[in-house]
Amino acid sequence: MKMQRNVSRLLTVTLLLSAVLILGGCSWFHKKAKLASQTESIPSSLDNPTGGSAAYPADRANLGPGADGGLFPLGTVDTIYFDYDKATVRRDQASRLEQNVNYLKAHASDKVLIIGHCDERGSVEYNLSLGQRRADMMKEYLIQHGIGGERLSTLSKGEEEPADPGHNDAAWRKNRRAEFHRLN
């Protein structure tokens, strides 16, 4: 009787563990499949925004990334990239950010949406929070450098719109970013 109870408990625990592993595996697989199926909207080269990518056909080669109807002229407002798990400006991004400030000062009527992005590592909730911190930090920087806060909005996409759908360091470096989209 006692042995039957122990076998029954062991079987129950084994079934529960199997269910957890199967459901967890399905969730992981779904997340990877979703990331792999997303299309590119941002160039894969950090130095050459047109990079020969199909996302930038020849008729749009003079425009940088942005929301529909909200593209900035190429070379005027750059994407800013971040280190892993950071929302502070990297030293090598300072000149790009200064270029963004100068452009926005010269174009005082432009309203801007700053979108924070992350790589795929971390939970969805954490990445949404980190993406928001990145966008908010960019907004605060622009305000401190003379850009009116009423012109700036922020949004986090977390890991949902990778610039590069790869699953390696090179892809992750491109995905940790803040993009600037013209709203008017």
N, C-alpha and C. Protein backbone atom coordinates (compact mmCIF):
# COMPACT_ATOMS: atom_id res chain seq x y z
N MET A 1 0.82 -1.18 0.00
CA MET A 1 0.00 0.00 0.00
C MET A 1 0.87 1.26 0.00
N LYS A 2 1.86 1.27 0.91
CA LYS A 2 2.74 2.42 1.02
C LYS A 2 3.57 2.58 -0.26
N MET A 3 4.02 1.44 -0.81
CA MET A 3 4.81 1.47 -2.03
C MET A 3 3.97 1.98 -3.21
N GLN A 4 2.71 1.60 -3.26
CA GLN A 4 1.82 2.08 -4.31
C GLN A 4 1.65 3.59 -4.23
N ARG A 5 1.53 4.12 -3.04
CA ARG A 5 1.38 5.56 -2.84
C ARG A 5 2.64 6.30 -3.31
N ASN A 6 3.81 5.76 -2.97
CA ASN A 6 5.07 6.37 -3.39
C ASN A 6 5.23 6.36 -4.91
N VAL A 7 4.87 5.25 -5.54
CA VAL A 7 4.93 5.16 -7.00
C VAL A 7 3.95 6.15 -7.62
N SER A 8 2.78 6.27 -7.05
CA SER A 8 1.77 7.21 -7.54
C SER A 8 2.27 8.65 -7.43
N ARG A 9 2.89 8.99 -6.32
CA ARG A 9 3.44 10.35 -6.15
C ARG A 9 4.56 10.61 -7.14
N LEU A 10 5.44 9.63 -7.31
CA LEU A 10 6.55 9.77 -8.25
C LEU A 10 6.03 9.97 -9.67
N LEU A 11 5.02 9.21 -10.04
CA LEU A 11 4.41 9.35 -11.36
C LEU A 11 3.79 10.73 -11.53
N THR A 12 3.10 11.22 -10.50
CA THR A 12 2.47 12.55 -10.55
C THR A 12 3.53 13.63 -10.72
N VAL A 13 4.60 13.56 -9.93
CA VAL A 13 5.68 14.55 -10.03
C VAL A 13 6.33 14.50 -11.40
N THR A 14 6.56 13.31 -11.93
CA THR A 14 7.16 13.16 -13.25
C THR A 14 6.27 13.78 -14.33
N LEU A 15 4.98 13.53 -14.25
CA LEU A 15 4.05 14.11 -15.23
C LEU A 15 4.02 15.63 -15.14
N LEU A 16 4.02 16.17 -13.93
CA LEU A 16 4.02 17.62 -13.76
C LEU A 16 5.30 18.24 -14.32
N LEU A 17 6.44 17.64 -14.01
CA LEU A 17 7.71 18.14 -14.55
C LEU A 17 7.73 18.07 -16.07
N SER A 18 7.23 17.00 -16.62
CA SER A 18 7.17 16.87 -18.08
C SER A 18 6.31 17.96 -18.69
N ALA A 19 5.17 18.23 -18.08
CA ALA A 19 4.27 19.27 -18.59
C ALA A 19 4.94 20.63 -18.54
N VAL A 20 5.64 20.93 -17.45
CA VAL A 20 6.34 22.22 -17.32
C VAL A 20 7.41 22.34 -18.40
N LEU A 21 8.20 21.30 -18.60
CA LEU A 21 9.25 21.34 -19.61
C LEU A 21 8.69 21.48 -21.01
N ILE A 22 7.63 20.77 -21.30
CA ILE A 22 7.02 20.86 -22.63
C ILE A 22 6.45 22.25 -22.87
N LEU A 23 5.71 22.79 -21.91
CA LEU A 23 5.14 24.13 -22.08
C LEU A 23 6.22 25.18 -22.15
N GLY A 24 7.24 25.05 -21.33
CA GLY A 24 8.35 26.00 -21.37
C GLY A 24 9.08 25.93 -22.70
N GLY A 25 9.27 24.74 -23.22
CA GLY A 25 9.93 24.57 -24.52
C GLY A 25 9.11 25.17 -25.63
N CYS A 26 7.80 24.99 -25.58
CA CYS A 26 6.92 25.57 -26.61
C CYS A 26 7.00 27.09 -26.58
N SER A 27 7.03 27.66 -25.39
CA SER A 27 7.12 29.10 -25.24
C SER A 27 8.43 29.61 -25.82
N TRP A 28 9.53 28.93 -25.52
CA TRP A 28 10.83 29.32 -26.03
C TRP A 28 10.85 29.22 -27.55
N PHE A 29 10.34 28.11 -28.09
CA PHE A 29 10.33 27.91 -29.52
C PHE A 29 9.49 28.98 -30.21
N HIS A 30 8.31 29.29 -29.64
CA HIS A 30 7.43 30.31 -30.21
C HIS A 30 8.13 31.66 -30.26
N LYS A 31 8.82 32.02 -29.19
CA LYS A 31 9.52 33.30 -29.14
C LYS A 31 10.60 33.35 -30.20
N LYS A 32 11.38 32.28 -30.36
CA LYS A 32 12.44 32.25 -31.36
C LYS A 32 11.86 32.30 -32.77
N ALA A 33 10.78 31.57 -33.00
CA ALA A 33 10.15 31.57 -34.32
C ALA A 33 9.60 32.96 -34.65
N LYS A 34 9.02 33.63 -33.67
CA LYS A 34 8.47 34.96 -33.88
C LYS A 34 9.58 35.94 -34.24
N LEU A 35 10.70 35.88 -33.52
CA LEU A 35 11.81 36.77 -33.81
C LEU A 35 12.38 36.51 -35.20
N ALA A 36 12.50 35.25 -35.56
CA ALA A 36 13.08 34.89 -36.85
C ALA A 36 12.18 35.30 -38.00
N SER A 37 10.88 35.37 -37.77
CA SER A 37 9.95 35.67 -38.86
C SER A 37 9.74 37.16 -39.07
N GLN A 38 10.22 37.99 -38.15
CA GLN A 38 10.01 39.42 -38.30
C GLN A 38 10.87 39.96 -39.43
N THR A 39 10.36 40.96 -40.13
CA THR A 39 11.10 41.51 -41.26
C THR A 39 12.00 42.64 -40.81
N GLU A 40 13.02 42.88 -41.60
CA GLU A 40 13.96 43.96 -41.34
C GLU A 40 13.34 45.31 -41.68
N SER A 41 13.56 46.28 -40.83
CA SER A 41 13.17 47.65 -41.18
C SER A 41 14.33 48.59 -40.96
N ILE A 42 15.41 48.10 -40.36
CA ILE A 42 16.58 48.90 -40.06
C ILE A 42 17.78 48.24 -40.72
N PRO A 43 18.70 49.00 -41.27
CA PRO A 43 19.85 48.40 -41.94
C PRO A 43 20.71 47.60 -40.99
N SER A 44 21.43 46.60 -41.52
CA SER A 44 22.27 45.77 -40.68
C SER A 44 23.64 46.39 -40.45
N SER A 45 24.03 47.39 -41.20
CA SER A 45 25.31 48.03 -41.01
C SER A 45 25.13 49.29 -40.17
N LEU A 46 25.96 49.41 -39.11
CA LEU A 46 25.86 50.60 -38.28
C LEU A 46 26.47 51.80 -38.98
N ASP A 47 27.49 51.58 -39.82
CA ASP A 47 28.17 52.68 -40.46
C ASP A 47 27.53 53.10 -41.78
N ASN A 48 26.86 52.19 -42.46
CA ASN A 48 26.26 52.48 -43.75
C ASN A 48 24.78 52.19 -43.69
N PRO A 49 23.96 53.19 -43.39
CA PRO A 49 22.53 52.95 -43.22
C PRO A 49 21.85 52.33 -44.43
N THR A 50 22.34 52.58 -45.63
CA THR A 50 21.69 51.95 -46.77
C THR A 50 22.22 50.55 -46.97
N GLY A 51 23.42 50.26 -46.56
CA GLY A 51 24.02 48.94 -46.49
C GLY A 51 23.62 47.93 -47.55
N GLY A 52 23.03 48.33 -48.65
CA GLY A 52 22.62 47.40 -49.67
C GLY A 52 21.41 46.56 -49.27
N SER A 53 20.74 46.95 -48.22
CA SER A 53 19.62 46.18 -47.70
C SER A 53 18.38 46.38 -48.56
N ALA A 54 17.58 45.33 -48.69
CA ALA A 54 16.33 45.41 -49.43
C ALA A 54 15.34 46.34 -48.73
N ALA A 55 15.58 46.62 -47.44
CA ALA A 55 14.70 47.51 -46.71
C ALA A 55 14.87 48.95 -47.18
N TYR A 56 15.92 49.24 -47.96
CA TYR A 56 16.17 50.58 -48.44
C TYR A 56 16.30 50.57 -49.96
N PRO A 57 15.16 50.52 -50.67
CA PRO A 57 15.22 50.55 -52.12
C PRO A 57 15.83 51.87 -52.60
N ALA A 58 16.27 51.87 -53.84
CA ALA A 58 16.98 53.03 -54.39
C ALA A 58 16.20 54.33 -54.25
N ASP A 59 14.89 54.31 -54.40
CA ASP A 59 14.12 55.54 -54.33
C ASP A 59 14.02 56.10 -52.91
N ARG A 60 14.43 55.32 -51.91
CA ARG A 60 14.40 55.80 -50.53
C ARG A 60 15.81 55.89 -49.97
N ALA A 61 16.82 55.78 -50.83
CA ALA A 61 18.21 55.72 -50.36
C ALA A 61 18.66 56.99 -49.66
N ASN A 62 17.98 58.11 -49.89
CA ASN A 62 18.38 59.35 -49.24
C ASN A 62 17.65 59.59 -47.93
N LEU A 63 16.89 58.61 -47.48
CA LEU A 63 16.15 58.74 -46.23
C LEU A 63 16.63 57.73 -45.21
N GLY A 64 16.61 58.14 -43.94
CA GLY A 64 17.00 57.24 -42.86
C GLY A 64 15.80 56.52 -42.30
N PRO A 65 16.02 55.62 -41.33
CA PRO A 65 14.92 54.86 -40.75
C PRO A 65 13.92 55.76 -40.05
N GLY A 66 12.67 55.36 -40.06
CA GLY A 66 11.64 56.12 -39.38
C GLY A 66 10.28 55.52 -39.66
N ALA A 67 9.29 56.02 -38.95
CA ALA A 67 7.93 55.54 -39.16
C ALA A 67 7.43 56.05 -40.51
N ASP A 68 6.42 55.43 -41.08
CA ASP A 68 5.88 55.88 -42.35
C ASP A 68 5.57 57.37 -42.27
N GLY A 69 6.05 58.11 -43.24
CA GLY A 69 5.80 59.54 -43.27
C GLY A 69 6.67 60.29 -42.28
N GLY A 70 7.54 59.61 -41.56
CA GLY A 70 8.36 60.27 -40.55
C GLY A 70 9.83 60.03 -40.75
N LEU A 71 10.27 59.95 -42.01
CA LEU A 71 11.68 59.69 -42.27
C LEU A 71 12.47 60.99 -42.23
N PHE A 72 13.65 60.91 -41.62
CA PHE A 72 14.56 62.05 -41.62
C PHE A 72 15.51 61.90 -42.80
N PRO A 73 15.98 63.01 -43.36
CA PRO A 73 17.01 62.91 -44.40
C PRO A 73 18.23 62.17 -43.85
N LEU A 74 18.80 61.28 -44.63
CA LEU A 74 19.92 60.46 -44.20
C LEU A 74 21.08 61.32 -43.70
N GLY A 75 21.68 60.91 -42.61
CA GLY A 75 22.82 61.62 -42.07
C GLY A 75 22.44 62.78 -41.18
N THR A 76 21.17 62.98 -40.92
CA THR A 76 20.77 64.11 -40.07
C THR A 76 20.42 63.67 -38.66
N VAL A 77 19.72 62.57 -38.50
CA VAL A 77 19.36 62.06 -37.18
C VAL A 77 19.70 60.57 -37.16
N ASP A 78 20.65 60.23 -36.31
CA ASP A 78 21.16 58.87 -36.27
C ASP A 78 20.55 58.05 -35.14
N THR A 79 20.52 56.75 -35.34
CA THR A 79 20.18 55.80 -34.30
C THR A 79 21.34 55.77 -33.30
N ILE A 80 21.02 55.68 -32.02
CA ILE A 80 22.04 55.61 -30.97
C ILE A 80 22.04 54.18 -30.42
N TYR A 81 23.23 53.62 -30.25
CA TYR A 81 23.38 52.24 -29.80
C TYR A 81 23.89 52.18 -28.36
N PHE A 82 23.50 51.11 -27.65
CA PHE A 82 23.79 50.96 -26.23
C PHE A 82 24.55 49.68 -25.94
N ASP A 83 25.23 49.68 -24.80
CA ASP A 83 25.86 48.46 -24.30
C ASP A 83 24.80 47.57 -23.69
N TYR A 84 25.15 46.32 -23.49
CA TYR A 84 24.25 45.33 -22.91
C TYR A 84 23.75 45.79 -21.54
N ASP A 85 22.43 45.76 -21.37
CA ASP A 85 21.78 46.06 -20.09
C ASP A 85 22.06 47.47 -19.59
N LYS A 86 22.33 48.41 -20.50
CA LYS A 86 22.63 49.79 -20.13
C LYS A 86 21.68 50.75 -20.83
N ALA A 87 21.46 51.89 -20.18
CA ALA A 87 20.66 52.95 -20.79
C ALA A 87 21.45 54.25 -20.81
N THR A 88 22.77 54.15 -20.72
CA THR A 88 23.64 55.32 -20.76
C THR A 88 24.30 55.41 -22.13
N VAL A 89 24.63 56.63 -22.53
CA VAL A 89 25.23 56.86 -23.85
C VAL A 89 26.66 56.35 -23.85
N ARG A 90 26.96 55.50 -24.83
CA ARG A 90 28.33 55.03 -25.00
C ARG A 90 29.19 56.18 -25.50
N ARG A 91 30.45 56.15 -25.14
CA ARG A 91 31.39 57.20 -25.54
C ARG A 91 31.44 57.34 -27.06
N ASP A 92 31.41 56.21 -27.77
CA ASP A 92 31.50 56.25 -29.24
C ASP A 92 30.22 56.75 -29.90
N GLN A 93 29.15 56.94 -29.14
CA GLN A 93 27.88 57.42 -29.69
C GLN A 93 27.67 58.92 -29.43
N ALA A 94 28.55 59.53 -28.67
CA ALA A 94 28.38 60.94 -28.28
C ALA A 94 28.32 61.87 -29.49
N SER A 95 29.17 61.66 -30.49
CA SER A 95 29.16 62.56 -31.65
C SER A 95 27.88 62.38 -32.47
N ARG A 96 27.36 61.16 -32.52
CA ARG A 96 26.10 60.92 -33.23
C ARG A 96 24.96 61.63 -32.52
N LEU A 97 24.96 61.56 -31.20
CA LEU A 97 23.91 62.21 -30.43
C LEU A 97 24.01 63.73 -30.55
N GLU A 98 25.22 64.24 -30.58
CA GLU A 98 25.41 65.68 -30.77
C GLU A 98 24.92 66.12 -32.14
N GLN A 99 25.12 65.29 -33.14
CA GLN A 99 24.60 65.57 -34.50
C GLN A 99 23.08 65.63 -34.46
N ASN A 100 22.45 64.73 -33.71
CA ASN A 100 20.99 64.73 -33.58
C ASN A 100 20.52 66.03 -32.93
N VAL A 101 21.21 66.45 -31.88
CA VAL A 101 20.86 67.71 -31.19
C VAL A 101 20.94 68.87 -32.16
N ASN A 102 22.04 68.95 -32.91
CA ASN A 102 22.22 70.06 -33.85
C ASN A 102 21.14 70.08 -34.92
N TYR A 103 20.79 68.91 -35.44
CA TYR A 103 19.74 68.86 -36.45
C TYR A 103 18.40 69.33 -35.86
N LEU A 104 18.07 68.84 -34.69
CA LEU A 104 16.78 69.20 -34.08
C LEU A 104 16.73 70.67 -33.68
N LYS A 105 17.84 71.25 -33.31
CA LYS A 105 17.88 72.69 -33.02
C LYS A 105 17.63 73.48 -34.30
N ALA A 106 18.18 73.01 -35.39
CA ALA A 106 18.02 73.71 -36.67
C ALA A 106 16.64 73.50 -37.29
N HIS A 107 15.92 72.51 -36.84
CA HIS A 107 14.59 72.19 -37.37
C HIS A 107 13.59 72.19 -36.22
N ALA A 108 13.34 73.39 -35.69
CA ALA A 108 12.56 73.55 -34.47
C ALA A 108 11.10 73.12 -34.59
N SER A 109 10.60 72.92 -35.80
CA SER A 109 9.20 72.51 -35.94
C SER A 109 9.04 70.98 -35.93
N ASP A 110 10.14 70.25 -36.04
CA ASP A 110 10.06 68.79 -36.04
C ASP A 110 9.71 68.25 -34.66
N LYS A 111 8.70 67.39 -34.63
CA LYS A 111 8.37 66.65 -33.41
C LYS A 111 8.92 65.25 -33.59
N VAL A 112 9.38 64.66 -32.48
CA VAL A 112 10.13 63.42 -32.58
C VAL A 112 9.58 62.37 -31.61
N LEU A 113 9.47 61.15 -32.11
CA LEU A 113 9.18 59.99 -31.28
C LEU A 113 10.48 59.23 -31.12
N ILE A 114 10.90 59.02 -29.88
CA ILE A 114 12.12 58.27 -29.59
C ILE A 114 11.69 56.88 -29.15
N ILE A 115 12.15 55.86 -29.87
CA ILE A 115 11.76 54.48 -29.57
C ILE A 115 12.97 53.72 -29.05
N GLY A 116 12.83 53.16 -27.85
CA GLY A 116 13.88 52.35 -27.25
C GLY A 116 13.70 50.89 -27.60
N HIS A 117 14.81 50.25 -27.97
CA HIS A 117 14.81 48.84 -28.36
C HIS A 117 15.85 48.07 -27.56
N CYS A 118 15.67 46.76 -27.48
CA CYS A 118 16.58 45.87 -26.75
C CYS A 118 16.89 44.65 -27.59
N ASP A 119 17.91 43.91 -27.15
CA ASP A 119 18.13 42.61 -27.78
C ASP A 119 17.19 41.59 -27.13
N GLU A 120 17.22 40.38 -27.59
CA GLU A 120 16.24 39.38 -27.18
C GLU A 120 16.49 38.77 -25.80
N ARG A 121 17.63 39.06 -25.21
CA ARG A 121 17.94 38.47 -23.91
C ARG A 121 17.16 39.21 -22.83
N GLY A 122 16.69 38.50 -21.85
CA GLY A 122 15.87 39.09 -20.79
C GLY A 122 14.40 38.84 -21.04
N SER A 123 13.60 39.03 -20.01
CA SER A 123 12.16 38.81 -20.14
C SER A 123 11.53 39.92 -20.95
N VAL A 124 10.35 39.67 -21.46
CA VAL A 124 9.62 40.69 -22.23
C VAL A 124 9.42 41.93 -21.38
N GLU A 125 9.01 41.74 -20.13
CA GLU A 125 8.74 42.87 -19.24
C GLU A 125 10.01 43.68 -18.96
N TYR A 126 11.11 42.97 -18.70
CA TYR A 126 12.36 43.66 -18.42
C TYR A 126 12.81 44.46 -19.64
N ASN A 127 12.72 43.86 -20.83
CA ASN A 127 13.15 44.55 -22.04
C ASN A 127 12.28 45.75 -22.37
N LEU A 128 10.98 45.65 -22.10
CA LEU A 128 10.12 46.83 -22.29
C LEU A 128 10.55 47.96 -21.36
N SER A 129 10.87 47.61 -20.13
CA SER A 129 11.32 48.61 -19.15
C SER A 129 12.66 49.21 -19.56
N LEU A 130 13.60 48.37 -19.98
CA LEU A 130 14.91 48.86 -20.41
C LEU A 130 14.79 49.72 -21.66
N GLY A 131 13.96 49.32 -22.61
CA GLY A 131 13.75 50.13 -23.80
C GLY A 131 13.17 51.49 -23.45
N GLN A 132 12.26 51.53 -22.47
CA GLN A 132 11.69 52.80 -22.04
C GLN A 132 12.74 53.67 -21.36
N ARG A 133 13.61 53.07 -20.55
CA ARG A 133 14.69 53.84 -19.90
C ARG A 133 15.62 54.42 -20.96
N ARG A 134 15.90 53.67 -22.01
CA ARG A 134 16.76 54.17 -23.09
C ARG A 134 16.10 55.35 -23.80
N ALA A 135 14.83 55.22 -24.13
CA ALA A 135 14.11 56.31 -24.80
C ALA A 135 14.02 57.53 -23.89
N ASP A 136 13.69 57.32 -22.62
CA ASP A 136 13.60 58.44 -21.67
C ASP A 136 14.94 59.13 -21.48
N MET A 137 16.02 58.35 -21.46
CA MET A 137 17.34 58.94 -21.31
C MET A 137 17.69 59.81 -22.51
N MET A 138 17.33 59.35 -23.70
CA MET A 138 17.56 60.16 -24.90
C MET A 138 16.76 61.45 -24.84
N LYS A 139 15.50 61.35 -24.42
CA LYS A 139 14.66 62.54 -24.30
C LYS A 139 15.27 63.52 -23.31
N GLU A 140 15.68 63.03 -22.16
CA GLU A 140 16.28 63.89 -21.14
C GLU A 140 17.55 64.56 -21.66
N TYR A 141 18.36 63.82 -22.38
CA TYR A 141 19.58 64.37 -22.96
C TYR A 141 19.24 65.51 -23.92
N LEU A 142 18.27 65.27 -24.79
CA LEU A 142 17.88 66.31 -25.76
C LEU A 142 17.34 67.54 -25.06
N ILE A 143 16.54 67.35 -24.03
CA ILE A 143 16.00 68.48 -23.27
C ILE A 143 17.13 69.27 -22.63
N GLN A 144 18.09 68.56 -22.02
CA GLN A 144 19.23 69.23 -21.37
C GLN A 144 20.08 70.00 -22.38
N HIS A 145 19.98 69.64 -23.65
CA HIS A 145 20.76 70.31 -24.68
C HIS A 145 19.91 71.25 -25.54
N GLY A 146 18.79 71.70 -24.98
CA GLY A 146 18.04 72.78 -25.60
C GLY A 146 16.88 72.40 -26.50
N ILE A 147 16.52 71.13 -26.56
CA ILE A 147 15.38 70.72 -27.38
C ILE A 147 14.15 70.71 -26.47
N GLY A 148 13.09 71.37 -26.88
CA GLY A 148 11.88 71.47 -26.07
C GLY A 148 11.22 70.12 -25.83
N GLY A 149 10.92 69.84 -24.59
CA GLY A 149 10.31 68.57 -24.21
C GLY A 149 8.96 68.34 -24.87
N GLU A 150 8.24 69.40 -25.20
CA GLU A 150 6.93 69.26 -25.85
C GLU A 150 7.06 68.70 -27.26
N ARG A 151 8.26 68.72 -27.82
CA ARG A 151 8.50 68.18 -29.16
C ARG A 151 8.83 66.70 -29.13
N LEU A 152 9.03 66.15 -27.93
CA LEU A 152 9.57 64.80 -27.80
C LEU A 152 8.60 63.85 -27.13
N SER A 153 8.43 62.68 -27.71
CA SER A 153 7.63 61.60 -27.12
C SER A 153 8.51 60.36 -27.07
N THR A 154 8.20 59.45 -26.16
CA THR A 154 8.98 58.22 -26.05
C THR A 154 8.08 57.00 -26.10
N LEU A 155 8.69 55.89 -26.49
CA LEU A 155 7.99 54.62 -26.58
C LEU A 155 9.04 53.51 -26.48
N SER A 156 8.66 52.40 -25.89
CA SER A 156 9.54 51.23 -25.86
C SER A 156 8.94 50.13 -26.69
N LYS A 157 9.78 49.52 -27.52
CA LYS A 157 9.38 48.33 -28.27
C LYS A 157 10.05 47.09 -27.67
N GLY A 158 10.88 47.30 -26.64
CA GLY A 158 11.57 46.16 -26.03
C GLY A 158 12.33 45.38 -27.09
N GLU A 159 12.09 44.08 -27.12
CA GLU A 159 12.78 43.20 -28.07
C GLU A 159 11.94 42.91 -29.31
N GLU A 160 10.78 43.54 -29.42
CA GLU A 160 9.79 43.14 -30.43
C GLU A 160 10.13 43.50 -31.86
N GLU A 161 11.00 44.45 -32.11
CA GLU A 161 11.33 44.83 -33.48
C GLU A 161 12.84 44.87 -33.65
N PRO A 162 13.46 43.70 -33.73
CA PRO A 162 14.92 43.68 -33.85
C PRO A 162 15.38 44.26 -35.19
N ALA A 163 16.48 44.99 -35.15
CA ALA A 163 17.09 45.47 -36.39
C ALA A 163 17.74 44.30 -37.12
N ASP A 164 18.21 43.34 -36.37
CA ASP A 164 18.83 42.14 -36.92
C ASP A 164 18.23 40.94 -36.20
N PRO A 165 17.59 40.02 -36.91
CA PRO A 165 16.93 38.89 -36.25
C PRO A 165 17.87 37.78 -35.80
N GLY A 166 19.18 37.98 -35.96
CA GLY A 166 20.14 36.96 -35.56
C GLY A 166 20.14 36.74 -34.05
N HIS A 167 20.78 35.67 -33.65
CA HIS A 167 20.84 35.30 -32.23
C HIS A 167 22.30 35.21 -31.79
N ASN A 168 23.05 36.30 -32.02
CA ASN A 168 24.47 36.33 -31.67
C ASN A 168 24.86 37.75 -31.28
N ASP A 169 26.11 37.92 -30.83
CA ASP A 169 26.57 39.23 -30.35
C ASP A 169 26.45 40.32 -31.41
N ALA A 170 26.77 40.01 -32.65
CA ALA A 170 26.71 41.02 -33.72
C ALA A 170 25.27 41.53 -33.89
N ALA A 171 24.31 40.63 -33.88
CA ALA A 171 22.91 41.02 -34.02
C ALA A 171 22.45 41.79 -32.79
N TRP A 172 22.81 41.30 -31.62
CA TRP A 172 22.37 41.94 -30.38
C TRP A 172 22.89 43.38 -30.28
N ARG A 173 24.14 43.63 -30.76
CA ARG A 173 24.68 45.00 -30.74
C ARG A 173 23.81 45.95 -31.56
N LYS A 174 23.29 45.48 -32.68
CA LYS A 174 22.45 46.31 -33.55
C LYS A 174 21.05 46.53 -32.97
N ASN A 175 20.62 45.61 -32.13
CA ASN A 175 19.26 45.67 -31.58
C ASN A 175 19.15 46.55 -30.34
N ARG A 176 20.26 46.81 -29.65
CA ARG A 176 20.25 47.66 -28.46
C ARG A 176 20.38 49.11 -28.91
N ARG A 177 19.22 49.77 -29.10
CA ARG A 177 19.28 51.07 -29.76
C ARG A 177 18.12 51.97 -29.37
N ALA A 178 18.27 53.25 -29.71
CA ALA A 178 17.18 54.22 -29.64
C ALA A 178 17.08 54.84 -31.03
N GLU A 179 15.87 54.80 -31.59
CA GLU A 179 15.62 55.37 -32.91
C GLU A 179 14.82 56.65 -32.76
N PHE A 180 15.03 57.55 -33.69
CA PHE A 180 14.35 58.84 -33.70
C PHE A 180 13.47 58.91 -34.94
N HIS A 181 12.17 59.10 -34.72
CA HIS A 181 11.20 59.15 -35.82
C HIS A 181 10.51 60.50 -35.82
N ARG A 182 10.50 61.13 -36.98
CA ARG A 182 9.81 62.43 -37.11
C ARG A 182 8.31 62.18 -37.13
N LEU A 183 7.58 62.95 -36.34
CA LEU A 183 6.12 62.80 -36.24
C LEU A 183 5.34 63.74 -37.14
N ASN A 184 5.98 64.74 -37.69
CA ASN A 184 5.25 65.69 -38.55
C ASN A 184 5.82 65.76 -39.94
